[in-house]
Amino acid sequence: MIKVPLTVYGAELLKEELQRLKSVERPDVIAAIAEARSHGDLSENAEYDAAKERQAFVEGRIAELEGKLSNAQIINPQELDAEGRVVFAATVELMDLESEDEVTYQIVGDDEADIKVGKVSVNSPIARALIGKEAGDVAEVMAPGGIREYEILDVKYI
């Protein structure tokens, strides 16, 4: 099996979602199915159909999360010793050489990525351009609007 990289924080988020699905969502769906069954004829019971669809979604998501967690390679950025290079879980301060705007991104797994909070997927174009580089290097990123250049100001493992 292929290991899926996750940060410690990302793994915790997936575990919390799994726990919520098992302890809250699953019992709620079971109760909704029981309630719908009590209304009689199941062939024309929209509540029953909706509850069964919800059950399929919940069970599918539980299986997906369990699979991801069982194949996860959990990486703690504070334990990394990458000698200043950009690697998975590193936090990178960048300057856009065109606009001179400074941004900070952490390179994370696909499930953790959220650009609004500065977390970019390891599979994104910007992360792929940054991996292996060090502070002072310039990375060229193929963006939708063309090639953008970013200077790496700092690499942290926090």
C-alpha atoms as a PDB file:
ATOM      1  CA  MET A   1       0.000   0.000   0.000  1.00  0.00           C
ATOM      2  CA  ILE A   2       1.099   3.549  -0.686  1.00  0.00           C
ATOM      3  CA  LYS A   3       1.670   5.634   2.431  1.00  0.00           C
ATOM      4  CA  VAL A   4      -0.232   8.926   2.510  1.00  0.00           C
ATOM      5  CA  PRO A   5       1.667  11.775   4.193  1.00  0.00           C
ATOM      6  CA  LEU A   6      -0.183  13.640   6.934  1.00  0.00           C
ATOM      7  CA  THR A   7       0.951  16.138   9.509  1.00  0.00           C
ATOM      8  CA  VAL A   8       0.208  15.403  13.169  1.00  0.00           C
ATOM      9  CA  TYR A   9      -2.487  18.103  13.100  1.00  0.00           C
ATOM     10  CA  GLY A  10      -4.067  16.688   9.933  1.00  0.00           C
ATOM     11  CA  ALA A  11      -4.179  13.196  11.413  1.00  0.00           C
ATOM     12  CA  GLU A  12      -5.901  14.563  14.513  1.00  0.00           C
ATOM     13  CA  LEU A  13      -8.545  16.280  12.362  1.00  0.00           C
ATOM     14  CA  LEU A  14      -9.279  13.025  10.527  1.00  0.00           C
ATOM     15  CA  LYS A  15      -9.470  11.099  13.828  1.00  0.00           C
ATOM     16  CA  GLU A  16     -11.902  13.676  15.244  1.00  0.00           C
ATOM     17  CA  GLU A  17     -14.124  13.437  12.160  1.00  0.00           C
ATOM     18  CA  LEU A  18     -14.045   9.622  12.333  1.00  0.00           C
ATOM     19  CA  GLN A  19     -14.983   9.676  16.007  1.00  0.00           C
ATOM     20  CA  ARG A  20     -17.871  12.096  15.341  1.00  0.00           C
ATOM     21  CA  LEU A  21     -19.178   9.954  12.488  1.00  0.00           C
ATOM     22  CA  LYS A  22     -19.091   6.803  14.610  1.00  0.00           C
ATOM     23  CA  SER A  23     -20.461   8.264  17.840  1.00  0.00           C
ATOM     24  CA  VAL A  24     -22.939  10.889  16.573  1.00  0.00           C
ATOM     25  CA  GLU A  25     -23.808  10.515  12.895  1.00  0.00           C
ATOM     26  CA  ARG A  26     -24.128   6.716  12.772  1.00  0.00           C
ATOM     27  CA  PRO A  27     -26.536   6.491  15.764  1.00  0.00           C
ATOM     28  CA  ASP A  28     -28.575   9.408  14.372  1.00  0.00           C
ATOM     29  CA  VAL A  29     -28.945   7.639  11.019  1.00  0.00           C
ATOM     30  CA  ILE A  30     -29.937   4.375  12.685  1.00  0.00           C
ATOM     31  CA  ALA A  31     -32.604   6.238  14.681  1.00  0.00           C
ATOM     32  CA  ALA A  32     -33.871   7.977  11.530  1.00  0.00           C
ATOM     33  CA  ILE A  33     -34.169   4.628   9.702  1.00  0.00           C
ATOM     34  CA  ALA A  34     -36.068   3.112  12.634  1.00  0.00           C
ATOM     35  CA  GLU A  35     -38.403   6.111  12.743  1.00  0.00           C
ATOM     36  CA  ALA A  36     -39.048   5.926   8.988  1.00  0.00           C
ATOM     37  CA  ARG A  37     -39.723   2.161   9.195  1.00  0.00           C
ATOM     38  CA  SER A  38     -42.352   2.783  11.840  1.00  0.00           C
ATOM     39  CA  HIS A  39     -44.382   4.758   9.292  1.00  0.00           C
ATOM     40  CA  GLY A  40     -45.213   1.603   7.373  1.00  0.00           C
ATOM     41  CA  ASP A  41     -44.879   0.943   3.619  1.00  0.00           C
ATOM     42  CA  LEU A  42     -41.194   1.403   2.713  1.00  0.00           C
ATOM     43  CA  SER A  43     -41.752   1.425  -1.065  1.00  0.00           C
ATOM     44  CA  GLU A  44     -43.136   4.966  -1.027  1.00  0.00           C
ATOM     45  CA  ASN A  45     -41.421   6.308   2.066  1.00  0.00           C
ATOM     46  CA  ALA A  46     -39.196   9.296   1.210  1.00  0.00           C
ATOM     47  CA  GLU A  47     -37.932   9.581   4.785  1.00  0.00           C
ATOM     48  CA  TYR A  48     -36.698   5.987   4.655  1.00  0.00           C
ATOM     49  CA  ASP A  49     -34.969   6.526   1.296  1.00  0.00           C
ATOM     50  CA  ALA A  50     -33.289   9.704   2.571  1.00  0.00           C
ATOM     51  CA  ALA A  51     -32.140   7.986   5.766  1.00  0.00           C
ATOM     52  CA  LYS A  52     -30.709   5.054   3.785  1.00  0.00           C
ATOM     53  CA  GLU A  53     -28.842   7.472   1.489  1.00  0.00           C
ATOM     54  CA  ARG A  54     -27.445   9.271   4.519  1.00  0.00           C
ATOM     55  CA  GLN A  55     -26.407   5.927   6.010  1.00  0.00           C
ATOM     56  CA  ALA A  56     -24.551   5.003   2.815  1.00  0.00           C
ATOM     57  CA  PHE A  57     -22.727   8.331   2.878  1.00  0.00           C
ATOM     58  CA  VAL A  58     -21.762   8.033   6.562  1.00  0.00           C
ATOM     59  CA  GLU A  59     -20.573   4.431   6.203  1.00  0.00           C
ATOM     60  CA  GLY A  60     -18.619   5.323   3.058  1.00  0.00           C
ATOM     61  CA  ARG A  61     -16.922   8.241   4.764  1.00  0.00           C
ATOM     62  CA  ILE A  62     -16.069   6.085   7.809  1.00  0.00           C
ATOM     63  CA  ALA A  63     -14.462   3.486   5.528  1.00  0.00           C
ATOM     64  CA  GLU A  64     -12.572   6.218   3.637  1.00  0.00           C
ATOM     65  CA  LEU A  65     -11.218   7.797   6.840  1.00  0.00           C
ATOM     66  CA  GLU A  66     -10.226   4.438   8.310  1.00  0.00           C
ATOM     67  CA  GLY A  67      -8.367   3.623   5.095  1.00  0.00           C
ATOM     68  CA  LYS A  68      -6.549   6.956   5.046  1.00  0.00           C
ATOM     69  CA  LEU A  69      -5.546   6.688   8.692  1.00  0.00           C
ATOM     70  CA  SER A  70      -4.346   3.101   8.304  1.00  0.00           C
ATOM     71  CA  ASN A  71      -2.151   4.132   5.349  1.00  0.00           C
ATOM     72  CA  ALA A  72      -1.013   7.417   6.887  1.00  0.00           C
ATOM     73  CA  GLN A  73       2.602   8.327   7.358  1.00  0.00           C
ATOM     74  CA  ILE A  74       2.291  10.889  10.137  1.00  0.00           C
ATOM     75  CA  ILE A  75       5.014  13.513  10.041  1.00  0.00           C
ATOM     76  CA  ASN A  76       5.724  15.893  12.902  1.00  0.00           C
ATOM     77  CA  PRO A  77       7.340  19.037  11.445  1.00  0.00           C
ATOM     78  CA  GLN A  78       9.099  19.772  14.749  1.00  0.00           C
ATOM     79  CA  GLU A  79      11.037  16.512  14.432  1.00  0.00           C
ATOM     80  CA  LEU A  80      12.291  17.225  10.912  1.00  0.00           C
ATOM     81  CA  ASP A  81      15.938  17.884  10.228  1.00  0.00           C
ATOM     82  CA  ALA A  82      15.949  18.817   6.564  1.00  0.00           C
ATOM     83  CA  GLU A  83      18.901  21.226   6.868  1.00  0.00           C
ATOM     84  CA  GLY A  84      16.861  24.228   5.725  1.00  0.00           C
ATOM     85  CA  ARG A  85      15.345  22.564   2.660  1.00  0.00           C
ATOM     86  CA  VAL A  86      11.654  22.729   1.837  1.00  0.00           C
ATOM     87  CA  VAL A  87      10.067  19.337   2.588  1.00  0.00           C
ATOM     88  CA  PHE A  88       6.631  17.995   3.449  1.00  0.00           C
ATOM     89  CA  ALA A  89       5.233  19.712   6.598  1.00  0.00           C
ATOM     90  CA  ALA A  90       7.674  22.641   6.351  1.00  0.00           C
ATOM     91  CA  THR A  91       6.368  26.190   6.687  1.00  0.00           C
ATOM     92  CA  VAL A  92       7.760  28.448   3.972  1.00  0.00           C
ATOM     93  CA  GLU A  93       7.840  32.241   3.848  1.00  0.00           C
ATOM     94  CA  LEU A  94       7.802  33.505   0.265  1.00  0.00           C
ATOM     95  CA  MET A  95       7.949  36.782  -1.593  1.00  0.00           C
ATOM     96  CA  ASP A  96       6.192  37.101  -4.942  1.00  0.00           C
ATOM     97  CA  LEU A  97       8.905  38.775  -7.031  1.00  0.00           C
ATOM     98  CA  GLU A  98       6.375  40.517  -9.264  1.00  0.00           C
ATOM     99  CA  SER A  99       4.102  42.055  -6.632  1.00  0.00           C
ATOM    100  CA  GLU A 100       6.564  41.895  -3.699  1.00  0.00           C
ATOM    101  CA  ASP A 101       3.756  40.447  -1.545  1.00  0.00           C
ATOM    102  CA  GLU A 102       4.896  38.116   1.208  1.00  0.00           C
ATOM    103  CA  VAL A 103       2.985  34.903   1.942  1.00  0.00           C
ATOM    104  CA  THR A 104       3.495  31.962   4.272  1.00  0.00           C
ATOM    105  CA  TYR A 105       2.453  28.416   3.399  1.00  0.00           C
ATOM    106  CA  GLN A 106       2.745  25.076   5.115  1.00  0.00           C
ATOM    107  CA  ILE A 107       3.070  22.088   2.804  1.00  0.00           C
ATOM    108  CA  VAL A 108       0.541  19.467   3.891  1.00  0.00           C
ATOM    109  CA  GLY A 109      -1.358  16.419   2.622  1.00  0.00           C
ATOM    110  CA  ASP A 110      -4.295  16.657   0.235  1.00  0.00           C
ATOM    111  CA  ASP A 111      -6.873  16.236   3.020  1.00  0.00           C
ATOM    112  CA  GLU A 112      -5.404  19.077   5.079  1.00  0.00           C
ATOM    113  CA  ALA A 113      -4.950  21.634   2.312  1.00  0.00           C
ATOM    114  CA  ASP A 114      -6.794  24.925   2.852  1.00  0.00           C
ATOM    115  CA  ILE A 115      -5.347  27.950   1.091  1.00  0.00           C
ATOM    116  CA  LYS A 116      -7.389  30.306   3.317  1.00  0.00           C
ATOM    117  CA  VAL A 117      -5.273  29.286   6.310  1.00  0.00           C
ATOM    118  CA  GLY A 118      -2.005  28.992   4.408  1.00  0.00           C
ATOM    119  CA  LYS A 119      -1.915  25.226   3.934  1.00  0.00           C
ATOM    120  CA  VAL A 120      -1.101  24.005   0.422  1.00  0.00           C
ATOM    121  CA  SER A 121      -1.214  20.434  -0.826  1.00  0.00           C
ATOM    122  CA  VAL A 122       2.095  18.688  -1.412  1.00  0.00           C
ATOM    123  CA  ASN A 123       0.690  17.906  -4.876  1.00  0.00           C
ATOM    124  CA  SER A 124      -0.044  21.550  -5.772  1.00  0.00           C
ATOM    125  CA  PRO A 125       2.093  23.318  -8.377  1.00  0.00           C
ATOM    126  CA  ILE A 126       3.543  25.726  -5.807  1.00  0.00           C
ATOM    127  CA  ALA A 127       4.542  22.939  -3.402  1.00  0.00           C
ATOM    128  CA  ARG A 128       6.102  20.886  -6.187  1.00  0.00           C
ATOM    129  CA  ALA A 129       8.134  23.936  -7.249  1.00  0.00           C
ATOM    130  CA  LEU A 130       9.321  24.563  -3.672  1.00  0.00           C
ATOM    131  CA  ILE A 131      10.271  21.018  -2.574  1.00  0.00           C
ATOM    132  CA  GLY A 132      14.030  20.653  -2.187  1.00  0.00           C
ATOM    133  CA  LYS A 133      14.804  24.375  -2.345  1.00  0.00           C
ATOM    134  CA  GLU A 134      16.314  26.496   0.451  1.00  0.00           C
ATOM    135  CA  ALA A 135      16.042  30.064   1.731  1.00  0.00           C
ATOM    136  CA  GLY A 136      17.392  32.439  -0.901  1.00  0.00           C
ATOM    137  CA  ASP A 137      16.365  30.221  -3.836  1.00  0.00           C
ATOM    138  CA  VAL A 138      13.825  31.339  -6.414  1.00  0.00           C
ATOM    139  CA  ALA A 139      11.037  28.965  -7.415  1.00  0.00           C
ATOM    140  CA  GLU A 140       9.163  29.257 -10.690  1.00  0.00           C
ATOM    141  CA  VAL A 141       5.530  28.228 -10.382  1.00  0.00           C
ATOM    142  CA  MET A 142       3.275  27.549 -13.350  1.00  0.00           C
ATOM    143  CA  ALA A 143       0.106  29.400 -12.325  1.00  0.00           C
ATOM    144  CA  PRO A 144      -3.119  29.800 -14.324  1.00  0.00           C
ATOM    145  CA  GLY A 145      -2.012  33.310 -15.299  1.00  0.00           C
ATOM    146  CA  GLY A 146       1.469  32.188 -16.382  1.00  0.00           C
ATOM    147  CA  ILE A 147       4.782  31.627 -14.657  1.00  0.00           C
ATOM    148  CA  ARG A 148       5.206  33.312 -11.256  1.00  0.00           C
ATOM    149  CA  GLU A 149       8.464  33.592  -9.389  1.00  0.00           C
ATOM    150  CA  TYR A 150       8.751  33.339  -5.610  1.00  0.00           C
ATOM    151  CA  GLU A 151      11.846  33.929  -3.535  1.00  0.00           C
ATOM    152  CA  ILE A 152      12.084  31.698  -0.491  1.00  0.00           C
ATOM    153  CA  LEU A 153      12.683  33.977   2.509  1.00  0.00           C
ATOM    154  CA  ASP A 154      12.650  31.360   5.276  1.00  0.00           C
ATOM    155  CA  VAL A 155      11.952  27.682   5.884  1.00  0.00           C
ATOM    156  CA  LYS A 156      10.654  26.607   9.304  1.00  0.00           C
ATOM    157  CA  TYR A 157       9.737  23.282  10.830  1.00  0.00           C
ATOM    158  CA  ILE A 158       7.013  24.286  13.293  1.00  0.00           C
END
